[in-house]
Amino acid sequence: MEPFIDPINSPPQRSIGRLLSVLACAAPGAVIDSCTMIVTEANALLAPIHDRMPVILAPEDYGNWLASGDGSASKAALLALLKPADTRCWEAYPISRALNSSANDSPELLEPIATGAP
């Protein structure tokens, strides 16, 4: 199967739900910066490709997501954000397998290809 790209095909701006933390290490002054992407079940568009997708936050969700850090958002409000993205904001199409190598780096890698092409 070819890799697929799933760009958001229409604004407004969206963000991926992530958790960031800074962990203190045993060495004095040493820290580890950590980032985790939050995933949920795939929407109907992406389900044929993969069973999960990132949590995509719309601008109106930013307040509740950011309030999770200080405890001011309710558990119910946060859980409501962990849902598949609306399929109307997405498209998916196959792209070249050349994307699988970090040696390849060009905008053409994101161009649609015919199914079954190299």
PDB file of N, CA and C in Angstrom:
ATOM      1  N   MET A   1       0.845  -1.184   0.000  1.00  0.00           N
ATOM      2  CA  MET A   1       0.000   0.000   0.000  1.00  0.00           C
ATOM      3  C   MET A   1       0.884   1.239   0.000  1.00  0.00           C
ATOM      4  N   GLU A   2       0.489   2.233  -0.762  1.00  0.00           N
ATOM      5  CA  GLU A   2       1.205   3.490  -0.813  1.00  0.00           C
ATOM      6  C   GLU A   2       0.959   4.281   0.462  1.00  0.00           C
ATOM      7  N   PRO A   3       1.896   5.177   0.803  1.00  0.00           N
ATOM      8  CA  PRO A   3       1.608   6.114   1.891  1.00  0.00           C
ATOM      9  C   PRO A   3       0.450   7.019   1.468  1.00  0.00           C
ATOM     10  N   PHE A   4      -0.265   7.527   2.430  1.00  0.00           N
ATOM     11  CA  PHE A   4      -1.352   8.462   2.150  1.00  0.00           C
ATOM     12  C   PHE A   4      -1.073   9.760   2.878  1.00  0.00           C
ATOM     13  N   ILE A   5      -1.496  10.833   2.269  1.00  0.00           N
ATOM     14  CA  ILE A   5      -1.437  12.126   2.938  1.00  0.00           C
ATOM     15  C   ILE A   5      -2.874  12.571   3.169  1.00  0.00           C
ATOM     16  N   ASP A   6      -3.086  13.229   4.278  1.00  0.00           N
ATOM     17  CA  ASP A   6      -4.442  13.640   4.622  1.00  0.00           C
ATOM     18  C   ASP A   6      -4.446  15.099   5.057  1.00  0.00           C
ATOM     19  N   PRO A   7      -4.168  15.997   4.112  1.00  0.00           N
ATOM     20  CA  PRO A   7      -4.140  17.413   4.483  1.00  0.00           C
ATOM     21  C   PRO A   7      -5.535  17.942   4.774  1.00  0.00           C
ATOM     22  N   ILE A   8      -5.569  18.930   5.635  1.00  0.00           N
ATOM     23  CA  ILE A   8      -6.826  19.638   5.861  1.00  0.00           C
ATOM     24  C   ILE A   8      -7.083  20.452   4.605  1.00  0.00           C
ATOM     25  N   ASN A   9      -8.237  20.241   3.959  1.00  0.00           N
ATOM     26  CA  ASN A   9      -8.461  20.867   2.658  1.00  0.00           C
ATOM     27  C   ASN A   9      -9.169  22.209   2.717  1.00  0.00           C
ATOM     28  N   SER A  10      -9.499  22.662   3.903  1.00  0.00           N
ATOM     29  CA  SER A  10     -10.090  23.986   3.987  1.00  0.00           C
ATOM     30  C   SER A  10      -9.824  24.574   5.367  1.00  0.00           C
ATOM     31  N   PRO A  11      -9.438  25.857   5.415  1.00  0.00           N
ATOM     32  CA  PRO A  11      -9.297  26.493   6.715  1.00  0.00           C
ATOM     33  C   PRO A  11     -10.644  26.447   7.413  1.00  0.00           C
ATOM     34  N   PRO A  12     -10.822  26.626   8.644  1.00  0.00           N
ATOM     35  CA  PRO A  12      -9.952  27.356   9.547  1.00  0.00           C
ATOM     36  C   PRO A  12      -8.783  26.543  10.082  1.00  0.00           C
ATOM     37  N   GLN A  13      -7.919  27.265  10.738  1.00  0.00           N
ATOM     38  CA  GLN A  13      -6.732  26.652  11.323  1.00  0.00           C
ATOM     39  C   GLN A  13      -7.137  25.586  12.346  1.00  0.00           C
ATOM     40  N   ARG A  14      -6.379  24.514  12.398  1.00  0.00           N
ATOM     41  CA  ARG A  14      -6.593  23.436  13.349  1.00  0.00           C
ATOM     42  C   ARG A  14      -5.261  23.120  14.023  1.00  0.00           C
ATOM     43  N   SER A  15      -5.304  22.454  15.158  1.00  0.00           N
ATOM     44  CA  SER A  15      -4.101  22.039  15.868  1.00  0.00           C
ATOM     45  C   SER A  15      -4.243  20.592  16.291  1.00  0.00           C
ATOM     46  N   ILE A  16      -3.120  19.912  16.424  1.00  0.00           N
ATOM     47  CA  ILE A  16      -3.104  18.532  16.902  1.00  0.00           C
ATOM     48  C   ILE A  16      -3.004  18.561  18.421  1.00  0.00           C
ATOM     49  N   GLY A  17      -3.823  17.740  19.087  1.00  0.00           N
ATOM     50  CA  GLY A  17      -3.792  17.657  20.548  1.00  0.00           C
ATOM     51  C   GLY A  17      -2.513  16.984  21.020  1.00  0.00           C
ATOM     52  N   ARG A  18      -1.735  17.694  21.833  1.00  0.00           N
ATOM     53  CA  ARG A  18      -0.481  17.152  22.357  1.00  0.00           C
ATOM     54  C   ARG A  18      -0.361  17.494  23.830  1.00  0.00           C
ATOM     55  N   LEU A  19       0.431  16.701  24.509  1.00  0.00           N
ATOM     56  CA  LEU A  19       0.781  16.982  25.894  1.00  0.00           C
ATOM     57  C   LEU A  19       2.281  17.226  25.947  1.00  0.00           C
ATOM     58  N   LEU A  20       2.677  18.310  26.587  1.00  0.00           N
ATOM     59  CA  LEU A  20       4.083  18.659  26.730  1.00  0.00           C
ATOM     60  C   LEU A  20       4.453  18.600  28.200  1.00  0.00           C
ATOM     61  N   SER A  21       5.667  18.128  28.485  1.00  0.00           N
ATOM     62  CA  SER A  21       6.128  18.130  29.877  1.00  0.00           C
ATOM     63  C   SER A  21       7.640  18.284  29.902  1.00  0.00           C
ATOM     64  N   VAL A  22       8.118  18.774  31.017  1.00  0.00           N
ATOM     65  CA  VAL A  22       9.553  18.888  31.265  1.00  0.00           C
ATOM     66  C   VAL A  22       9.822  18.071  32.521  1.00  0.00           C
ATOM     67  N   LEU A  23      10.685  17.081  32.395  1.00  0.00           N
ATOM     68  CA  LEU A  23      10.990  16.181  33.503  1.00  0.00           C
ATOM     69  C   LEU A  23      12.376  16.484  34.046  1.00  0.00           C
ATOM     70  N   ALA A  24      12.488  16.583  35.371  1.00  0.00           N
ATOM     71  CA  ALA A  24      13.787  16.795  35.995  1.00  0.00           C
ATOM     72  C   ALA A  24      14.558  15.478  36.011  1.00  0.00           C
ATOM     73  N   CYS A  25      15.844  15.537  35.734  1.00  0.00           N
ATOM     74  CA  CYS A  25      16.706  14.356  35.757  1.00  0.00           C
ATOM     75  C   CYS A  25      17.521  14.339  37.047  1.00  0.00           C
ATOM     76  N   ALA A  26      18.197  13.230  37.273  1.00  0.00           N
ATOM     77  CA  ALA A  26      19.026  13.098  38.466  1.00  0.00           C
ATOM     78  C   ALA A  26      20.204  14.069  38.445  1.00  0.00           C
ATOM     79  N   ALA A  27      20.758  14.345  37.273  1.00  0.00           N
ATOM     80  CA  ALA A  27      21.885  15.273  37.173  1.00  0.00           C
ATOM     81  C   ALA A  27      21.396  16.692  37.438  1.00  0.00           C
ATOM     82  N   PRO A  28      22.117  17.445  38.233  1.00  0.00           N
ATOM     83  CA  PRO A  28      21.699  18.818  38.544  1.00  0.00           C
ATOM     84  C   PRO A  28      21.487  19.659  37.286  1.00  0.00           C
ATOM     85  N   GLY A  29      20.334  20.282  37.183  1.00  0.00           N
ATOM     86  CA  GLY A  29      20.012  21.156  36.065  1.00  0.00           C
ATOM     87  C   GLY A  29      19.618  20.456  34.780  1.00  0.00           C
ATOM     88  N   ALA A  30      19.702  19.140  34.744  1.00  0.00           N
ATOM     89  CA  ALA A  30      19.352  18.407  33.527  1.00  0.00           C
ATOM     90  C   ALA A  30      17.853  18.158  33.477  1.00  0.00           C
ATOM     91  N   VAL A  31      17.271  18.323  32.296  1.00  0.00           N
ATOM     92  CA  VAL A  31      15.847  18.081  32.101  1.00  0.00           C
ATOM     93  C   VAL A  31      15.631  17.305  30.819  1.00  0.00           C
ATOM     94  N   ILE A  32      14.477  16.673  30.733  1.00  0.00           N
ATOM     95  CA  ILE A  32      14.052  16.000  29.503  1.00  0.00           C
ATOM     96  C   ILE A  32      12.761  16.668  29.057  1.00  0.00           C
ATOM     97  N   ASP A  33      12.767  17.229  27.848  1.00  0.00           N
ATOM     98  CA  ASP A  33      11.546  17.771  27.266  1.00  0.00           C
ATOM     99  C   ASP A  33      10.819  16.621  26.580  1.00  0.00           C
ATOM    100  N   SER A  34       9.527  16.498  26.832  1.00  0.00           N
ATOM    101  CA  SER A  34       8.756  15.390  26.295  1.00  0.00           C
ATOM    102  C   SER A  34       7.482  15.913  25.635  1.00  0.00           C
ATOM    103  N   CYS A  35       7.110  15.282  24.519  1.00  0.00           N
ATOM    104  CA  CYS A  35       5.884  15.646  23.821  1.00  0.00           C
ATOM    105  C   CYS A  35       5.177  14.366  23.387  1.00  0.00           C
ATOM    106  N   THR A  36       3.896  14.287  23.626  1.00  0.00           N
ATOM    107  CA  THR A  36       3.084  13.137  23.246  1.00  0.00           C
ATOM    108  C   THR A  36       1.916  13.612  22.395  1.00  0.00           C
ATOM    109  N   MET A  37       1.709  12.975  21.246  1.00  0.00           N
ATOM    110  CA  MET A  37       0.552  13.287  20.416  1.00  0.00           C
ATOM    111  C   MET A  37      -0.609  12.415  20.896  1.00  0.00           C
ATOM    112  N   ILE A  38      -1.758  13.016  21.086  1.00  0.00           N
ATOM    113  CA  ILE A  38      -2.947  12.296  21.524  1.00  0.00           C
ATOM    114  C   ILE A  38      -3.686  11.779  20.290  1.00  0.00           C
ATOM    115  N   VAL A  39      -4.055  10.507  20.305  1.00  0.00           N
ATOM    116  CA  VAL A  39      -4.776   9.913  19.176  1.00  0.00           C
ATOM    117  C   VAL A  39      -6.154   9.438  19.616  1.00  0.00           C
ATOM    118  N   THR A  40      -7.008   9.240  18.637  1.00  0.00           N
ATOM    119  CA  THR A  40      -8.354   8.723  18.846  1.00  0.00           C
ATOM    120  C   THR A  40      -8.659   7.776  17.692  1.00  0.00           C
ATOM    121  N   GLU A  41      -9.850   7.216  17.688  1.00  0.00           N
ATOM    122  CA  GLU A  41     -10.216   6.335  16.576  1.00  0.00           C
ATOM    123  C   GLU A  41     -10.272   7.141  15.280  1.00  0.00           C
ATOM    124  N   ALA A  42     -10.003   6.487  14.170  1.00  0.00           N
ATOM    125  CA  ALA A  42     -10.019   7.159  12.871  1.00  0.00           C
ATOM    126  C   ALA A  42     -11.437   7.539  12.465  1.00  0.00           C
ATOM    127  N   ASN A  43     -11.548   8.639  11.728  1.00  0.00           N
ATOM    128  CA  ASN A  43     -12.850   8.996  11.166  1.00  0.00           C
ATOM    129  C   ASN A  43     -13.120   8.112   9.946  1.00  0.00           C
ATOM    130  N   ALA A  44     -14.286   8.251   9.357  1.00  0.00           N
ATOM    131  CA  ALA A  44     -14.684   7.380   8.240  1.00  0.00           C
ATOM    132  C   ALA A  44     -13.758   7.501   7.037  1.00  0.00           C
ATOM    133  N   LEU A  45     -13.176   8.666   6.820  1.00  0.00           N
ATOM    134  CA  LEU A  45     -12.272   8.858   5.692  1.00  0.00           C
ATOM    135  C   LEU A  45     -10.956   8.109   5.888  1.00  0.00           C
ATOM    136  N   LEU A  46     -10.415   8.155   7.096  1.00  0.00           N
ATOM    137  CA  LEU A  46      -9.102   7.558   7.349  1.00  0.00           C
ATOM    138  C   LEU A  46      -9.163   6.107   7.808  1.00  0.00           C
ATOM    139  N   ALA A  47     -10.321   5.628   8.245  1.00  0.00           N
ATOM    140  CA  ALA A  47     -10.435   4.255   8.754  1.00  0.00           C
ATOM    141  C   ALA A  47      -9.954   3.191   7.767  1.00  0.00           C
ATOM    142  N   PRO A  48     -10.157   3.340   6.443  1.00  0.00           N
ATOM    143  CA  PRO A  48      -9.617   2.333   5.526  1.00  0.00           C
ATOM    144  C   PRO A  48      -8.082   2.315   5.478  1.00  0.00           C
ATOM    145  N   ILE A  49      -7.451   3.383   5.946  1.00  0.00           N
ATOM    146  CA  ILE A  49      -5.998   3.508   5.908  1.00  0.00           C
ATOM    147  C   ILE A  49      -5.377   3.100   7.241  1.00  0.00           C
ATOM    148  N   HIS A  50      -5.988   3.523   8.347  1.00  0.00           N
ATOM    149  CA  HIS A  50      -5.437   3.274   9.678  1.00  0.00           C
ATOM    150  C   HIS A  50      -6.558   3.327  10.702  1.00  0.00           C
ATOM    151  N   ASP A  51      -6.364   2.663  11.838  1.00  0.00           N
ATOM    152  CA  ASP A  51      -7.430   2.630  12.843  1.00  0.00           C
ATOM    153  C   ASP A  51      -7.386   3.800  13.823  1.00  0.00           C
ATOM    154  N   ARG A  52      -6.348   4.646  13.733  1.00  0.00           N
ATOM    155  CA  ARG A  52      -6.244   5.799  14.634  1.00  0.00           C
ATOM    156  C   ARG A  52      -5.906   7.046  13.840  1.00  0.00           C
ATOM    157  N   MET A  53      -6.122   8.184  14.480  1.00  0.00           N
ATOM    158  CA  MET A  53      -5.726   9.468  13.910  1.00  0.00           C
ATOM    159  C   MET A  53      -5.451  10.426  15.063  1.00  0.00           C
ATOM    160  N   PRO A  54      -4.698  11.501  14.811  1.00  0.00           N
ATOM    161  CA  PRO A  54      -4.474  12.480  15.880  1.00  0.00           C
ATOM    162  C   PRO A  54      -5.777  13.165  16.268  1.00  0.00           C
ATOM    163  N   VAL A  55      -5.864  13.571  17.515  1.00  0.00           N
ATOM    164  CA  VAL A  55      -6.970  14.431  17.936  1.00  0.00           C
ATOM    165  C   VAL A  55      -6.716  15.797  17.300  1.00  0.00           C
ATOM    166  N   ILE A  56      -7.687  16.283  16.550  1.00  0.00           N
ATOM    167  CA  ILE A  56      -7.574  17.571  15.866  1.00  0.00           C
ATOM    168  C   ILE A  56      -8.466  18.570  16.591  1.00  0.00           C
ATOM    169  N   LEU A  57      -7.861  19.652  17.042  1.00  0.00           N
ATOM    170  CA  LEU A  57      -8.601  20.660  17.804  1.00  0.00           C
ATOM    171  C   LEU A  57      -8.941  21.855  16.917  1.00  0.00           C
ATOM    172  N   ALA A  58     -10.185  22.248  16.936  1.00  0.00           N
ATOM    173  CA  ALA A  58     -10.624  23.461  16.246  1.00  0.00           C
ATOM    174  C   ALA A  58     -10.331  24.654  17.163  1.00  0.00           C
ATOM    175  N   PRO A  59     -10.206  25.839  16.596  1.00  0.00           N
ATOM    176  CA  PRO A  59      -9.893  27.021  17.418  1.00  0.00           C
ATOM    177  C   PRO A  59     -10.825  27.195  18.618  1.00  0.00           C
ATOM    178  N   GLU A  60     -12.092  26.863  18.459  1.00  0.00           N
ATOM    179  CA  GLU A  60     -13.017  27.022  19.590  1.00  0.00           C
ATOM    180  C   GLU A  60     -12.752  26.022  20.720  1.00  0.00           C
ATOM    181  N   ASP A  61     -11.925  25.011  20.463  1.00  0.00           N
ATOM    182  CA  ASP A  61     -11.573  24.025  21.492  1.00  0.00           C
ATOM    183  C   ASP A  61     -10.299  24.369  22.248  1.00  0.00           C
ATOM    184  N   TYR A  62      -9.537  25.333  21.768  1.00  0.00           N
ATOM    185  CA  TYR A  62      -8.244  25.631  22.368  1.00  0.00           C
ATOM    186  C   TYR A  62      -8.345  25.980  23.848  1.00  0.00           C
ATOM    187  N   GLY A  63      -9.358  26.758  24.216  1.00  0.00           N
ATOM    188  CA  GLY A  63      -9.500  27.189  25.615  1.00  0.00           C
ATOM    189  C   GLY A  63      -9.609  26.011  26.566  1.00  0.00           C
ATOM    190  N   ASN A  64     -10.500  25.074  26.265  1.00  0.00           N
ATOM    191  CA  ASN A  64     -10.649  23.902  27.143  1.00  0.00           C
ATOM    192  C   ASN A  64      -9.384  23.057  27.158  1.00  0.00           C
ATOM    193  N   TRP A  65      -8.755  22.873  25.975  1.00  0.00           N
ATOM    194  CA  TRP A  65      -7.543  22.050  25.918  1.00  0.00           C
ATOM    195  C   TRP A  65      -6.442  22.665  26.788  1.00  0.00           C
ATOM    196  N   LEU A  66      -6.244  23.960  26.649  1.00  0.00           N
ATOM    197  CA  LEU A  66      -5.193  24.623  27.422  1.00  0.00           C
ATOM    198  C   LEU A  66      -5.545  24.697  28.905  1.00  0.00           C
ATOM    199  N   ALA A  67      -6.834  24.750  29.235  1.00  0.00           N
ATOM    200  CA  ALA A  67      -7.253  24.789  30.636  1.00  0.00           C
ATOM    201  C   ALA A  67      -6.996  23.462  31.339  1.00  0.00           C
ATOM    202  N   SER A  68      -6.737  22.396  30.584  1.00  0.00           N
ATOM    203  CA  SER A  68      -6.457  21.110  31.216  1.00  0.00           C
ATOM    204  C   SER A  68      -5.196  21.180  32.071  1.00  0.00           C
ATOM    205  N   GLY A  69      -4.281  22.092  31.726  1.00  0.00           N
ATOM    206  CA  GLY A  69      -3.035  22.221  32.475  1.00  0.00           C
ATOM    207  C   GLY A  69      -3.213  22.816  33.853  1.00  0.00           C
ATOM    208  N   ASP A  70      -4.226  23.624  34.034  1.00  0.00           N
ATOM    209  CA  ASP A  70      -4.423  24.228  35.359  1.00  0.00           C
ATOM    210  C   ASP A  70      -5.624  23.641  36.093  1.00  0.00           C
ATOM    211  N   GLY A  71      -6.268  22.644  35.502  1.00  0.00           N
ATOM    212  CA  GLY A  71      -7.376  21.965  36.169  1.00  0.00           C
ATOM    213  C   GLY A  71      -8.707  22.682  36.084  1.00  0.00           C
ATOM    214  N   SER A  72      -8.793  23.777  35.313  1.00  0.00           N
ATOM    215  CA  SER A  72     -10.051  24.528  35.280  1.00  0.00           C
ATOM    216  C   SER A  72     -11.072  23.972  34.292  1.00  0.00           C
ATOM    217  N   ALA A  73     -10.660  23.076  33.394  1.00  0.00           N
ATOM    218  CA  ALA A  73     -11.608  22.450  32.459  1.00  0.00           C
ATOM    219  C   ALA A  73     -12.167  21.180  33.091  1.00  0.00           C
ATOM    220  N   SER A  74     -13.448  20.935  32.865  1.00  0.00           N
ATOM    221  CA  SER A  74     -14.057  19.728  33.431  1.00  0.00           C
ATOM    222  C   SER A  74     -13.593  18.491  32.675  1.00  0.00           C
ATOM    223  N   LYS A  75     -13.642  17.361  33.346  1.00  0.00           N
ATOM    224  CA  LYS A  75     -13.274  16.100  32.706  1.00  0.00           C
ATOM    225  C   LYS A  75     -14.172  15.848  31.493  1.00  0.00           C
ATOM    226  N   ALA A  76     -15.462  16.122  31.622  1.00  0.00           N
ATOM    227  CA  ALA A  76     -16.399  15.908  30.518  1.00  0.00           C
ATOM    228  C   ALA A  76     -16.050  16.781  29.318  1.00  0.00           C
ATOM    229  N   ALA A  77     -15.669  18.041  29.569  1.00  0.00           N
ATOM    230  CA  ALA A  77     -15.313  18.949  28.477  1.00  0.00           C
ATOM    231  C   ALA A  77     -14.065  18.459  27.756  1.00  0.00           C
ATOM    232  N   LEU A  78     -13.103  17.935  28.505  1.00  0.00           N
ATOM    233  CA  LEU A  78     -11.872  17.429  27.884  1.00  0.00           C
ATOM    234  C   LEU A  78     -12.126  16.142  27.111  1.00  0.00           C
ATOM    235  N   LEU A  79     -12.904  15.235  27.677  1.00  0.00           N
ATOM    236  CA  LEU A  79     -13.199  13.981  26.985  1.00  0.00           C
ATOM    237  C   LEU A  79     -13.956  14.224  25.683  1.00  0.00           C
ATOM    238  N   ALA A  80     -14.782  15.261  25.660  1.00  0.00           N
ATOM    239  CA  ALA A  80     -15.540  15.585  24.449  1.00  0.00           C
ATOM    240  C   ALA A  80     -14.619  16.007  23.292  1.00  0.00           C
ATOM    241  N   LEU A  81     -13.393  16.424  23.603  1.00  0.00           N
ATOM    242  CA  LEU A  81     -12.442  16.822  22.560  1.00  0.00           C
ATOM    243  C   LEU A  81     -11.751  15.627  21.916  1.00  0.00           C
ATOM    244  N   LEU A  82     -11.803  14.475  22.562  1.00  0.00           N
ATOM    245  CA  LEU A  82     -11.085  13.284  22.080  1.00  0.00           C
ATOM    246  C   LEU A  82     -11.956  12.501  21.114  1.00  0.00           C
ATOM    247  N   LYS A  83     -12.248  13.122  19.989  1.00  0.00           N
ATOM    248  CA  LYS A  83     -13.141  12.524  18.993  1.00  0.00           C
ATOM    249  C   LYS A  83     -12.491  12.599  17.616  1.00  0.00           C
ATOM    250  N   PRO A  84     -12.920  11.735  16.702  1.00  0.00           N
ATOM    251  CA  PRO A  84     -12.396  11.823  15.334  1.00  0.00           C
ATOM    252  C   PRO A  84     -12.748  13.166  14.694  1.00  0.00           C
ATOM    253  N   ALA A  85     -11.863  13.648  13.843  1.00  0.00           N
ATOM    254  CA  ALA A  85     -12.093  14.916  13.146  1.00  0.00           C
ATOM    255  C   ALA A  85     -13.226  14.777  12.138  1.00  0.00           C
ATOM    256  N   ASP A  86     -13.905  15.864  11.895  1.00  0.00           N
ATOM    257  CA  ASP A  86     -14.974  15.933  10.901  1.00  0.00           C
ATOM    258  C   ASP A  86     -14.397  15.615   9.519  1.00  0.00           C
ATOM    259  N   THR A  87     -14.976  14.670   8.821  1.00  0.00           N
ATOM    260  CA  THR A  87     -14.453  14.260   7.511  1.00  0.00           C
ATOM    261  C   THR A  87     -14.582  15.353   6.452  1.00  0.00           C
ATOM    262  N   ARG A  88     -15.462  16.313   6.647  1.00  0.00           N
ATOM    263  CA  ARG A  88     -15.636  17.376   5.648  1.00  0.00           C
ATOM    264  C   ARG A  88     -14.411  18.274   5.545  1.00  0.00           C
ATOM    265  N   CYS A  89     -13.542  18.250   6.530  1.00  0.00           N
ATOM    266  CA  CYS A  89     -12.358  19.112   6.527  1.00  0.00           C
ATOM    267  C   CYS A  89     -11.123  18.405   5.982  1.00  0.00           C
ATOM    268  N   TRP A  90     -11.264  17.193   5.482  1.00  0.00           N
ATOM    269  CA  TRP A  90     -10.110  16.394   5.104  1.00  0.00           C
ATOM    270  C   TRP A  90     -10.283  15.789   3.718  1.00  0.00           C
ATOM    271  N   GLU A  91      -9.155  15.445   3.123  1.00  0.00           N
ATOM    272  CA  GLU A  91      -9.133  14.609   1.931  1.00  0.00           C
ATOM    273  C   GLU A  91      -7.947  13.668   2.104  1.00  0.00           C
ATOM    274  N   ALA A  92      -7.989  12.533   1.465  1.00  0.00           N
ATOM    275  CA  ALA A  92      -6.881  11.578   1.551  1.00  0.00           C
ATOM    276  C   ALA A  92      -6.595  11.058   0.156  1.00  0.00           C
ATOM    277  N   TYR A  93      -5.323  10.972  -0.181  1.00  0.00           N
ATOM    278  CA  TYR A  93      -4.941  10.440  -1.486  1.00  0.00           C
ATOM    279  C   TYR A  93      -3.565   9.792  -1.372  1.00  0.00           C
ATOM    280  N   PRO A  94      -3.288   8.796  -2.226  1.00  0.00           N
ATOM    281  CA  PRO A  94      -1.990   8.124  -2.171  1.00  0.00           C
ATOM    282  C   PRO A  94      -0.873   9.027  -2.688  1.00  0.00           C
ATOM    283  N   ILE A  95       0.294   8.890  -2.061  1.00  0.00           N
ATOM    284  CA  ILE A  95       1.491   9.621  -2.481  1.00  0.00           C
ATOM    285  C   ILE A  95       2.623   8.619  -2.676  1.00  0.00           C
ATOM    286  N   SER A  96       3.715   9.074  -3.209  1.00  0.00           N
ATOM    287  CA  SER A  96       4.842   8.204  -3.555  1.00  0.00           C
ATOM    288  C   SER A  96       5.462   7.529  -2.332  1.00  0.00           C
ATOM    289  N   ARG A  97       5.896   6.288  -2.520  1.00  0.00           N
ATOM    290  CA  ARG A  97       6.627   5.578  -1.466  1.00  0.00           C
ATOM    291  C   ARG A  97       7.991   6.199  -1.216  1.00  0.00           C
ATOM    292  N   ALA A  98       8.435   7.060  -2.112  1.00  0.00           N
ATOM    293  CA  ALA A  98       9.708   7.754  -1.909  1.00  0.00           C
ATOM    294  C   ALA A  98       9.692   8.567  -0.617  1.00  0.00           C
ATOM    295  N   LEU A  99       8.515   8.912  -0.137  1.00  0.00           N
ATOM    296  CA  LEU A  99       8.377   9.637   1.117  1.00  0.00           C
ATOM    297  C   LEU A  99       8.932   8.838   2.289  1.00  0.00           C
ATOM    298  N   ASN A 100       9.000   7.524   2.177  1.00  0.00           N
ATOM    299  CA  ASN A 100       9.450   6.674   3.276  1.00  0.00           C
ATOM    300  C   ASN A 100      10.949   6.782   3.553  1.00  0.00           C
ATOM    301  N   SER A 101      11.698   7.455   2.713  1.00  0.00           N
ATOM    302  CA  SER A 101      13.138   7.624   2.917  1.00  0.00           C
ATOM    303  C   SER A 101      13.441   9.074   3.270  1.00  0.00           C
ATOM    304  N   SER A 102      14.169   9.266   4.367  1.00  0.00           N
ATOM    305  CA  SER A 102      14.536  10.627   4.760  1.00  0.00           C
ATOM    306  C   SER A 102      15.522  11.262   3.786  1.00  0.00           C
ATOM    307  N   ALA A 103      16.103  10.473   2.883  1.00  0.00           N
ATOM    308  CA  ALA A 103      17.001  11.014   1.860  1.00  0.00           C
ATOM    309  C   ALA A 103      16.231  11.841   0.831  1.00  0.00           C
ATOM    310  N   ASN A 104      14.934  11.619   0.732  1.00  0.00           N
ATOM    311  CA  ASN A 104      14.088  12.344  -0.218  1.00  0.00           C
ATOM    312  C   ASN A 104      13.412  13.503   0.495  1.00  0.00           C
ATOM    313  N   ASP A 105      13.524  14.685  -0.064  1.00  0.00           N
ATOM    314  CA  ASP A 105      12.950  15.866   0.562  1.00  0.00           C
ATOM    315  C   ASP A 105      12.573  16.877  -0.518  1.00  0.00           C
ATOM    316  N   SER A 106      11.346  16.792  -0.999  1.00  0.00           N
ATOM    317  CA  SER A 106      10.888  17.759  -1.992  1.00  0.00           C
ATOM    318  C   SER A 106       9.368  17.851  -1.933  1.00  0.00           C
ATOM    319  N   PRO A 107       8.830  18.968  -2.354  1.00  0.00           N
ATOM    320  CA  PRO A 107       7.372  19.139  -2.346  1.00  0.00           C
ATOM    321  C   PRO A 107       6.648  18.125  -3.230  1.00  0.00           C
ATOM    322  N   GLU A 108       7.332  17.613  -4.257  1.00  0.00           N
ATOM    323  CA  GLU A 108       6.710  16.647  -5.163  1.00  0.00           C
ATOM    324  C   GLU A 108       6.306  15.362  -4.439  1.00  0.00           C
ATOM    325  N   LEU A 109       6.924  15.069  -3.311  1.00  0.00           N
ATOM    326  CA  LEU A 109       6.581  13.856  -2.557  1.00  0.00           C
ATOM    327  C   LEU A 109       5.130  13.874  -2.083  1.00  0.00           C
ATOM    328  N   LEU A 110       4.552  15.058  -1.990  1.00  0.00           N
ATOM    329  CA  LEU A 110       3.181  15.178  -1.506  1.00  0.00           C
ATOM    330  C   LEU A 110       2.152  15.257  -2.617  1.00  0.00           C
ATOM    331  N   GLU A 111       2.596  15.134  -3.864  1.00  0.00           N
ATOM    332  CA  GLU A 111       1.680  15.154  -5.000  1.00  0.00           C
ATOM    333  C   GLU A 111       0.938  13.819  -5.108  1.00  0.00           C
ATOM    334  N   PRO A 112      -0.336  13.848  -5.476  1.00  0.00           N
ATOM    335  CA  PRO A 112      -1.083  12.593  -5.658  1.00  0.00           C
ATOM    336  C   PRO A 112      -0.458  11.726  -6.743  1.00  0.00           C
ATOM    337  N   ILE A 113      -0.541  10.414  -6.552  1.00  0.00           N
ATOM    338  CA  ILE A 113      -0.100   9.458  -7.568  1.00  0.00           C
ATOM    339  C   ILE A 113      -1.259   8.547  -7.901  1.00  0.00           C
ATOM    340  N   ALA A 114      -1.151   7.880  -9.034  1.00  0.00           N
ATOM    341  CA  ALA A 114      -2.149   6.881  -9.386  1.00  0.00           C
ATOM    342  C   ALA A 114      -1.953   5.670  -8.479  1.00  0.00           C
ATOM    343  N   THR A 115      -3.034   5.048  -8.041  1.00  0.00           N
ATOM    344  CA  THR A 115      -2.944   3.871  -7.179  1.00  0.00           C
ATOM    345  C   THR A 115      -2.140   2.790  -7.871  1.00  0.00           C
ATOM    346  N   GLY A 116      -1.182   2.197  -7.124  1.00  0.00           N
ATOM    347  CA  GLY A 116      -0.334   1.151  -7.649  1.00  0.00           C
ATOM    348  C   GLY A 116       0.955   1.667  -8.269  1.00  0.00           C
ATOM    349  N   ALA A 117       1.127   2.998  -8.342  1.00  0.00           N
ATOM    350  CA  ALA A 117       2.362   3.551  -8.910  1.00  0.00           C
ATOM    351  C   ALA A 117       3.483   3.468  -7.892  1.00  0.00           C
ATOM    352  N   PRO A 118       4.763   3.472  -8.335  1.00  0.00           N
ATOM    353  CA  PRO A 118       5.895   3.360  -7.402  1.00  0.00           C
ATOM    354  C   PRO A 118       6.076   4.570  -6.520  1.00  0.00           C
TER     355      PRO A 118
END
